[in-house]
Amino acid sequence: MNAWDVMKADTYRQYGRFSWRCIIEAIATQRTFRVIVTLRLCQGIADSSGVLRLTLPFFKILHKFTTWAAAMDMPW
């Protein structure tokens, strides 16, 4: 499974269905789900190639910030 399919599965576990609206709602309201989303984004970008991979340092910093804000320890 790639990171995008796993993010869909995470959303399904949280809401019982998948939609982009559910992901956006979870990001806005659940601090622990934000950590999962940034983790999946880092995994997906690390698996990609080309120009998108150049954004990985930004998403690593974003993931570090969201783990700090959620008071969690989940290294990438």
PDB file of N, CA and C in Angstrom:
ATOM      1  N   MET A   1       0.838  -1.192   0.000  1.00  0.00           N
ATOM      2  CA  MET A   1       0.000   0.000   0.000  1.00  0.00           C
ATOM      3  C   MET A   1       0.878   1.249   0.000  1.00  0.00           C
ATOM      4  N   ASN A   2       0.478   2.213  -0.755  1.00  0.00           N
ATOM      5  CA  ASN A   2       1.234   3.456  -0.716  1.00  0.00           C
ATOM      6  C   ASN A   2       0.664   4.375   0.363  1.00  0.00           C
ATOM      7  N   ALA A   3       1.335   5.479   0.617  1.00  0.00           N
ATOM      8  CA  ALA A   3       0.973   6.371   1.719  1.00  0.00           C
ATOM      9  C   ALA A   3      -0.413   6.989   1.531  1.00  0.00           C
ATOM     10  N   TRP A   4      -0.809   7.220   0.293  1.00  0.00           N
ATOM     11  CA  TRP A   4      -2.117   7.838   0.042  1.00  0.00           C
ATOM     12  C   TRP A   4      -3.245   6.867   0.389  1.00  0.00           C
ATOM     13  N   ASP A   5      -3.060   5.591   0.050  1.00  0.00           N
ATOM     14  CA  ASP A   5      -4.072   4.593   0.404  1.00  0.00           C
ATOM     15  C   ASP A   5      -4.151   4.408   1.918  1.00  0.00           C
ATOM     16  N   VAL A   6      -3.012   4.494   2.577  1.00  0.00           N
ATOM     17  CA  VAL A   6      -2.996   4.356   4.036  1.00  0.00           C
ATOM     18  C   VAL A   6      -3.699   5.553   4.684  1.00  0.00           C
ATOM     19  N   MET A   7      -3.533   6.759   4.111  1.00  0.00           N
ATOM     20  CA  MET A   7      -4.230   7.929   4.646  1.00  0.00           C
ATOM     21  C   MET A   7      -5.737   7.772   4.468  1.00  0.00           C
ATOM     22  N   LYS A   8      -6.154   7.213   3.360  1.00  0.00           N
ATOM     23  CA  LYS A   8      -7.577   6.935   3.156  1.00  0.00           C
ATOM     24  C   LYS A   8      -8.080   5.950   4.200  1.00  0.00           C
ATOM     25  N   ALA A   9      -7.271   4.933   4.496  1.00  0.00           N
ATOM     26  CA  ALA A   9      -7.650   3.942   5.509  1.00  0.00           C
ATOM     27  C   ALA A   9      -7.724   4.579   6.898  1.00  0.00           C
ATOM     28  N   ASP A  10      -6.805   5.484   7.197  1.00  0.00           N
ATOM     29  CA  ASP A  10      -6.844   6.190   8.481  1.00  0.00           C
ATOM     30  C   ASP A  10      -8.130   7.001   8.610  1.00  0.00           C
ATOM     31  N   THR A  11      -8.515   7.656   7.535  1.00  0.00           N
ATOM     32  CA  THR A  11      -9.753   8.434   7.540  1.00  0.00           C
ATOM     33  C   THR A  11     -10.962   7.522   7.698  1.00  0.00           C
ATOM     34  N   TYR A  12     -10.938   6.396   7.039  1.00  0.00           N
ATOM     35  CA  TYR A  12     -12.045   5.445   7.158  1.00  0.00           C
ATOM     36  C   TYR A  12     -12.160   4.932   8.596  1.00  0.00           C
ATOM     37  N   ARG A  13     -11.046   4.653   9.219  1.00  0.00           N
ATOM     38  CA  ARG A  13     -11.080   4.204  10.622  1.00  0.00           C
ATOM     39  C   ARG A  13     -11.645   5.277  11.540  1.00  0.00           C
ATOM     40  N   GLN A  14     -11.397   6.519  11.227  1.00  0.00           N
ATOM     41  CA  GLN A  14     -11.853   7.623  12.071  1.00  0.00           C
ATOM     42  C   GLN A  14     -13.340   7.925  11.860  1.00  0.00           C
ATOM     43  N   TYR A  15     -13.798   7.902  10.608  1.00  0.00           N
ATOM     44  CA  TYR A  15     -15.150   8.353  10.277  1.00  0.00           C
ATOM     45  C   TYR A  15     -16.077   7.265   9.730  1.00  0.00           C
ATOM     46  N   GLY A  16     -15.541   6.116   9.408  1.00  0.00           N
ATOM     47  CA  GLY A  16     -16.365   5.066   8.831  1.00  0.00           C
ATOM     48  C   GLY A  16     -16.594   5.233   7.342  1.00  0.00           C
ATOM     49  N   ARG A  17     -15.958   6.209   6.754  1.00  0.00           N
ATOM     50  CA  ARG A  17     -16.026   6.453   5.309  1.00  0.00           C
ATOM     51  C   ARG A  17     -14.856   7.347   4.931  1.00  0.00           C
ATOM     52  N   PHE A  18     -14.582   7.421   3.643  1.00  0.00           N
ATOM     53  CA  PHE A  18     -13.516   8.301   3.177  1.00  0.00           C
ATOM     54  C   PHE A  18     -14.093   9.383   2.295  1.00  0.00           C
ATOM     55  N   SER A  19     -13.665  10.595   2.528  1.00  0.00           N
ATOM     56  CA  SER A  19     -13.910  11.710   1.614  1.00  0.00           C
ATOM     57  C   SER A  19     -12.873  12.782   1.946  1.00  0.00           C
ATOM     58  N   TRP A  20     -12.618  13.643   0.998  1.00  0.00           N
ATOM     59  CA  TRP A  20     -11.659  14.716   1.239  1.00  0.00           C
ATOM     60  C   TRP A  20     -12.201  15.669   2.296  1.00  0.00           C
ATOM     61  N   ARG A  21     -13.507  15.795   2.356  1.00  0.00           N
ATOM     62  CA  ARG A  21     -14.137  16.632   3.381  1.00  0.00           C
ATOM     63  C   ARG A  21     -13.815  16.092   4.779  1.00  0.00           C
ATOM     64  N   CYS A  22     -13.852  14.779   4.936  1.00  0.00           N
ATOM     65  CA  CYS A  22     -13.528  14.164   6.226  1.00  0.00           C
ATOM     66  C   CYS A  22     -12.078  14.438   6.619  1.00  0.00           C
ATOM     67  N   ILE A  23     -11.170  14.372   5.643  1.00  0.00           N
ATOM     68  CA  ILE A  23      -9.761  14.656   5.937  1.00  0.00           C
ATOM     69  C   ILE A  23      -9.596  16.102   6.379  1.00  0.00           C
ATOM     70  N   ILE A  24     -10.211  17.028   5.671  1.00  0.00           N
ATOM     71  CA  ILE A  24     -10.096  18.449   6.016  1.00  0.00           C
ATOM     72  C   ILE A  24     -10.723  18.726   7.377  1.00  0.00           C
ATOM     73  N   GLU A  25     -11.865  18.103   7.639  1.00  0.00           N
ATOM     74  CA  GLU A  25     -12.518  18.274   8.940  1.00  0.00           C
ATOM     75  C   GLU A  25     -11.646  17.734  10.072  1.00  0.00           C
ATOM     76  N   ALA A  26     -11.035  16.595   9.851  1.00  0.00           N
ATOM     77  CA  ALA A  26     -10.168  15.999  10.876  1.00  0.00           C
ATOM     78  C   ALA A  26      -8.926  16.848  11.111  1.00  0.00           C
ATOM     79  N   ILE A  27      -8.353  17.392  10.063  1.00  0.00           N
ATOM     80  CA  ILE A  27      -7.184  18.263  10.209  1.00  0.00           C
ATOM     81  C   ILE A  27      -7.553  19.502  11.019  1.00  0.00           C
ATOM     82  N   ALA A  28      -8.737  20.037  10.769  1.00  0.00           N
ATOM     83  CA  ALA A  28      -9.160  21.261  11.450  1.00  0.00           C
ATOM     84  C   ALA A  28      -9.536  21.032  12.908  1.00  0.00           C
ATOM     85  N   THR A  29     -10.020  19.843  13.251  1.00  0.00           N
ATOM     86  CA  THR A  29     -10.582  19.651  14.588  1.00  0.00           C
ATOM     87  C   THR A  29      -9.821  18.690  15.487  1.00  0.00           C
ATOM     88  N   GLN A  30      -8.977  17.831  14.935  1.00  0.00           N
ATOM     89  CA  GLN A  30      -8.334  16.803  15.749  1.00  0.00           C
ATOM     90  C   GLN A  30      -6.819  16.928  15.664  1.00  0.00           C
ATOM     91  N   ARG A  31      -6.220  17.337  16.762  1.00  0.00           N
ATOM     92  CA  ARG A  31      -4.773  17.577  16.750  1.00  0.00           C
ATOM     93  C   ARG A  31      -3.983  16.297  16.541  1.00  0.00           C
ATOM     94  N   THR A  32      -4.475  15.165  17.011  1.00  0.00           N
ATOM     95  CA  THR A  32      -3.734  13.917  16.826  1.00  0.00           C
ATOM     96  C   THR A  32      -3.823  13.416  15.387  1.00  0.00           C
ATOM     97  N   PHE A  33      -4.930  13.707  14.712  1.00  0.00           N
ATOM     98  CA  PHE A  33      -5.052  13.302  13.312  1.00  0.00           C
ATOM     99  C   PHE A  33      -4.132  14.130  12.422  1.00  0.00           C
ATOM    100  N   ARG A  34      -3.874  15.383  12.805  1.00  0.00           N
ATOM    101  CA  ARG A  34      -2.933  16.219  12.043  1.00  0.00           C
ATOM    102  C   ARG A  34      -1.561  15.567  11.984  1.00  0.00           C
ATOM    103  N   VAL A  35      -1.155  14.955  13.091  1.00  0.00           N
ATOM    104  CA  VAL A  35       0.146  14.279  13.133  1.00  0.00           C
ATOM    105  C   VAL A  35       0.163  13.118  12.136  1.00  0.00           C
ATOM    106  N   ILE A  36      -0.918  12.352  12.090  1.00  0.00           N
ATOM    107  CA  ILE A  36      -1.008  11.229  11.158  1.00  0.00           C
ATOM    108  C   ILE A  36      -0.959  11.726   9.711  1.00  0.00           C
ATOM    109  N   VAL A  37      -1.664  12.812   9.432  1.00  0.00           N
ATOM    110  CA  VAL A  37      -1.683  13.354   8.057  1.00  0.00           C
ATOM    111  C   VAL A  37      -0.293  13.818   7.646  1.00  0.00           C
ATOM    112  N   THR A  38       0.406  14.543   8.518  1.00  0.00           N
ATOM    113  CA  THR A  38       1.751  15.001   8.141  1.00  0.00           C
ATOM    114  C   THR A  38       2.715  13.827   8.009  1.00  0.00           C
ATOM    115  N   LEU A  39       2.535  12.801   8.835  1.00  0.00           N
ATOM    116  CA  LEU A  39       3.357  11.593   8.700  1.00  0.00           C
ATOM    117  C   LEU A  39       3.124  10.939   7.340  1.00  0.00           C
ATOM    118  N   ARG A  40       1.865  10.785   6.957  1.00  0.00           N
ATOM    119  CA  ARG A  40       1.544  10.181   5.654  1.00  0.00           C
ATOM    120  C   ARG A  40       2.033  11.043   4.498  1.00  0.00           C
ATOM    121  N   LEU A  41       1.961  12.370   4.645  1.00  0.00           N
ATOM    122  CA  LEU A  41       2.483  13.247   3.592  1.00  0.00           C
ATOM    123  C   LEU A  41       3.989  13.063   3.434  1.00  0.00           C
ATOM    124  N   CYS A  42       4.703  12.994   4.547  1.00  0.00           N
ATOM    125  CA  CYS A  42       6.153  12.767   4.478  1.00  0.00           C
ATOM    126  C   CYS A  42       6.454  11.424   3.816  1.00  0.00           C
ATOM    127  N   GLN A  43       5.717  10.394   4.174  1.00  0.00           N
ATOM    128  CA  GLN A  43       5.932   9.077   3.572  1.00  0.00           C
ATOM    129  C   GLN A  43       5.641   9.101   2.074  1.00  0.00           C
ATOM    130  N   GLY A  44       4.549   9.751   1.700  1.00  0.00           N
ATOM    131  CA  GLY A  44       4.188   9.818   0.286  1.00  0.00           C
ATOM    132  C   GLY A  44       5.184  10.602  -0.534  1.00  0.00           C
ATOM    133  N   ILE A  45       5.649  11.714   0.003  1.00  0.00           N
ATOM    134  CA  ILE A  45       6.618  12.535  -0.723  1.00  0.00           C
ATOM    135  C   ILE A  45       7.964  11.831  -0.796  1.00  0.00           C
ATOM    136  N   ALA A  46       8.348  11.118   0.258  1.00  0.00           N
ATOM    137  CA  ALA A  46       9.612  10.379   0.232  1.00  0.00           C
ATOM    138  C   ALA A  46       9.587   9.269  -0.813  1.00  0.00           C
ATOM    139  N   ASP A  47       8.422   8.686  -1.053  1.00  0.00           N
ATOM    140  CA  ASP A  47       8.298   7.633  -2.060  1.00  0.00           C
ATOM    141  C   ASP A  47       8.200   8.180  -3.478  1.00  0.00           C
ATOM    142  N   SER A  48       7.928   9.470  -3.613  1.00  0.00           N
ATOM    143  CA  SER A  48       7.769  10.056  -4.933  1.00  0.00           C
ATOM    144  C   SER A  48       9.133  10.374  -5.531  1.00  0.00           C
ATOM    145  N   SER A  49       9.092  10.847  -6.746  1.00  0.00           N
ATOM    146  CA  SER A  49      10.331  11.249  -7.414  1.00  0.00           C
ATOM    147  C   SER A  49      10.091  12.588  -8.092  1.00  0.00           C
ATOM    148  N   GLY A  50      11.158  13.207  -8.475  1.00  0.00           N
ATOM    149  CA  GLY A  50      11.050  14.462  -9.194  1.00  0.00           C
ATOM    150  C   GLY A  50      11.002  15.670  -8.289  1.00  0.00           C
ATOM    151  N   VAL A  51      10.344  16.694  -8.768  1.00  0.00           N
ATOM    152  CA  VAL A  51      10.317  17.988  -8.103  1.00  0.00           C
ATOM    153  C   VAL A  51       9.585  17.912  -6.762  1.00  0.00           C
ATOM    154  N   LEU A  52       8.575  17.072  -6.664  1.00  0.00           N
ATOM    155  CA  LEU A  52       7.803  16.966  -5.425  1.00  0.00           C
ATOM    156  C   LEU A  52       8.677  16.553  -4.249  1.00  0.00           C
ATOM    157  N   ARG A  53       9.670  15.757  -4.511  1.00  0.00           N
ATOM    158  CA  ARG A  53      10.547  15.284  -3.440  1.00  0.00           C
ATOM    159  C   ARG A  53      11.363  16.422  -2.816  1.00  0.00           C
ATOM    160  N   LEU A  54      11.532  17.504  -3.527  1.00  0.00           N
ATOM    161  CA  LEU A  54      12.263  18.653  -2.996  1.00  0.00           C
ATOM    162  C   LEU A  54      11.512  19.337  -1.857  1.00  0.00           C
ATOM    163  N   THR A  55      10.216  19.081  -1.727  1.00  0.00           N
ATOM    164  CA  THR A  55       9.432  19.684  -0.650  1.00  0.00           C
ATOM    165  C   THR A  55       9.498  18.871   0.646  1.00  0.00           C
ATOM    166  N   LEU A  56      10.193  17.751   0.646  1.00  0.00           N
ATOM    167  CA  LEU A  56      10.265  16.894   1.826  1.00  0.00           C
ATOM    168  C   LEU A  56      10.798  17.612   3.071  1.00  0.00           C
ATOM    169  N   PRO A  57      11.851  18.424   3.001  1.00  0.00           N
ATOM    170  CA  PRO A  57      12.304  19.123   4.216  1.00  0.00           C
ATOM    171  C   PRO A  57      11.214  20.008   4.836  1.00  0.00           C
ATOM    172  N   PHE A  58      10.426  20.673   3.990  1.00  0.00           N
ATOM    173  CA  PHE A  58       9.322  21.493   4.506  1.00  0.00           C
ATOM    174  C   PHE A  58       8.310  20.636   5.258  1.00  0.00           C
ATOM    175  N   PHE A  59       7.942  19.495   4.683  1.00  0.00           N
ATOM    176  CA  PHE A  59       6.948  18.640   5.323  1.00  0.00           C
ATOM    177  C   PHE A  59       7.496  17.954   6.572  1.00  0.00           C
ATOM    178  N   LYS A  60       8.797  17.718   6.620  1.00  0.00           N
ATOM    179  CA  LYS A  60       9.406  17.195   7.847  1.00  0.00           C
ATOM    180  C   LYS A  60       9.297  18.215   8.977  1.00  0.00           C
ATOM    181  N   ILE A  61       9.552  19.472   8.666  1.00  0.00           N
ATOM    182  CA  ILE A  61       9.415  20.537   9.662  1.00  0.00           C
ATOM    183  C   ILE A  61       7.953  20.682  10.074  1.00  0.00           C
ATOM    184  N   LEU A  62       7.044  20.612   9.124  1.00  0.00           N
ATOM    185  CA  LEU A  62       5.619  20.668   9.439  1.00  0.00           C
ATOM    186  C   LEU A  62       5.215  19.519  10.355  1.00  0.00           C
ATOM    187  N   HIS A  63       5.730  18.324  10.083  1.00  0.00           N
ATOM    188  CA  HIS A  63       5.428  17.170  10.925  1.00  0.00           C
ATOM    189  C   HIS A  63       6.000  17.371  12.332  1.00  0.00           C
ATOM    190  N   LYS A  64       7.189  17.885  12.420  1.00  0.00           N
ATOM    191  CA  LYS A  64       7.796  18.141  13.732  1.00  0.00           C
ATOM    192  C   LYS A  64       6.964  19.160  14.516  1.00  0.00           C
ATOM    193  N   PHE A  65       6.476  20.186  13.829  1.00  0.00           N
ATOM    194  CA  PHE A  65       5.645  21.193  14.492  1.00  0.00           C
ATOM    195  C   PHE A  65       4.317  20.592  14.961  1.00  0.00           C
ATOM    196  N   THR A  66       3.682  19.776  14.125  1.00  0.00           N
ATOM    197  CA  THR A  66       2.389  19.207  14.527  1.00  0.00           C
ATOM    198  C   THR A  66       2.549  18.208  15.670  1.00  0.00           C
ATOM    199  N   THR A  67       3.636  17.460  15.704  1.00  0.00           N
ATOM    200  CA  THR A  67       3.851  16.563  16.839  1.00  0.00           C
ATOM    201  C   THR A  67       4.094  17.361  18.112  1.00  0.00           C
ATOM    202  N   TRP A  68       4.803  18.466  18.000  1.00  0.00           N
ATOM    203  CA  TRP A  68       5.026  19.331  19.152  1.00  0.00           C
ATOM    204  C   TRP A  68       3.702  19.926  19.632  1.00  0.00           C
ATOM    205  N   ALA A  69       2.878  20.413  18.707  1.00  0.00           N
ATOM    206  CA  ALA A  69       1.608  21.033  19.066  1.00  0.00           C
ATOM    207  C   ALA A  69       0.627  20.026  19.675  1.00  0.00           C
ATOM    208  N   ALA A  70       0.723  18.778  19.268  1.00  0.00           N
ATOM    209  CA  ALA A  70      -0.166  17.742  19.806  1.00  0.00           C
ATOM    210  C   ALA A  70       0.413  17.078  21.049  1.00  0.00           C
ATOM    211  N   ALA A  71       1.604  17.491  21.463  1.00  0.00           N
ATOM    212  CA  ALA A  71       2.293  16.911  22.624  1.00  0.00           C
ATOM    213  C   ALA A  71       2.477  15.413  22.435  1.00  0.00           C
ATOM    214  N   MET A  72       2.917  15.033  21.251  1.00  0.00           N
ATOM    215  CA  MET A  72       3.141  13.633  20.914  1.00  0.00           C
ATOM    216  C   MET A  72       4.594  13.436  20.481  1.00  0.00           C
ATOM    217  N   ASP A  73       5.060  12.233  20.601  1.00  0.00           N
ATOM    218  CA  ASP A  73       6.390  11.889  20.107  1.00  0.00           C
ATOM    219  C   ASP A  73       6.221  10.820  19.038  1.00  0.00           C
ATOM    220  N   MET A  74       6.213  11.245  17.784  1.00  0.00           N
ATOM    221  CA  MET A  74       6.069  10.321  16.661  1.00  0.00           C
ATOM    222  C   MET A  74       7.068  10.737  15.582  1.00  0.00           C
ATOM    223  N   PRO A  75       8.301  10.274  15.704  1.00  0.00           N
ATOM    224  CA  PRO A  75       9.303  10.669  14.718  1.00  0.00           C
ATOM    225  C   PRO A  75       8.988  10.123  13.343  1.00  0.00           C
ATOM    226  N   TRP A  76       9.453  10.838  12.335  1.00  0.00           N
ATOM    227  CA  TRP A  76       9.226  10.372  10.977  1.00  0.00           C
ATOM    228  C   TRP A  76      10.302   9.460  10.572  1.00  0.00           C
TER     229      TRP A  76
END
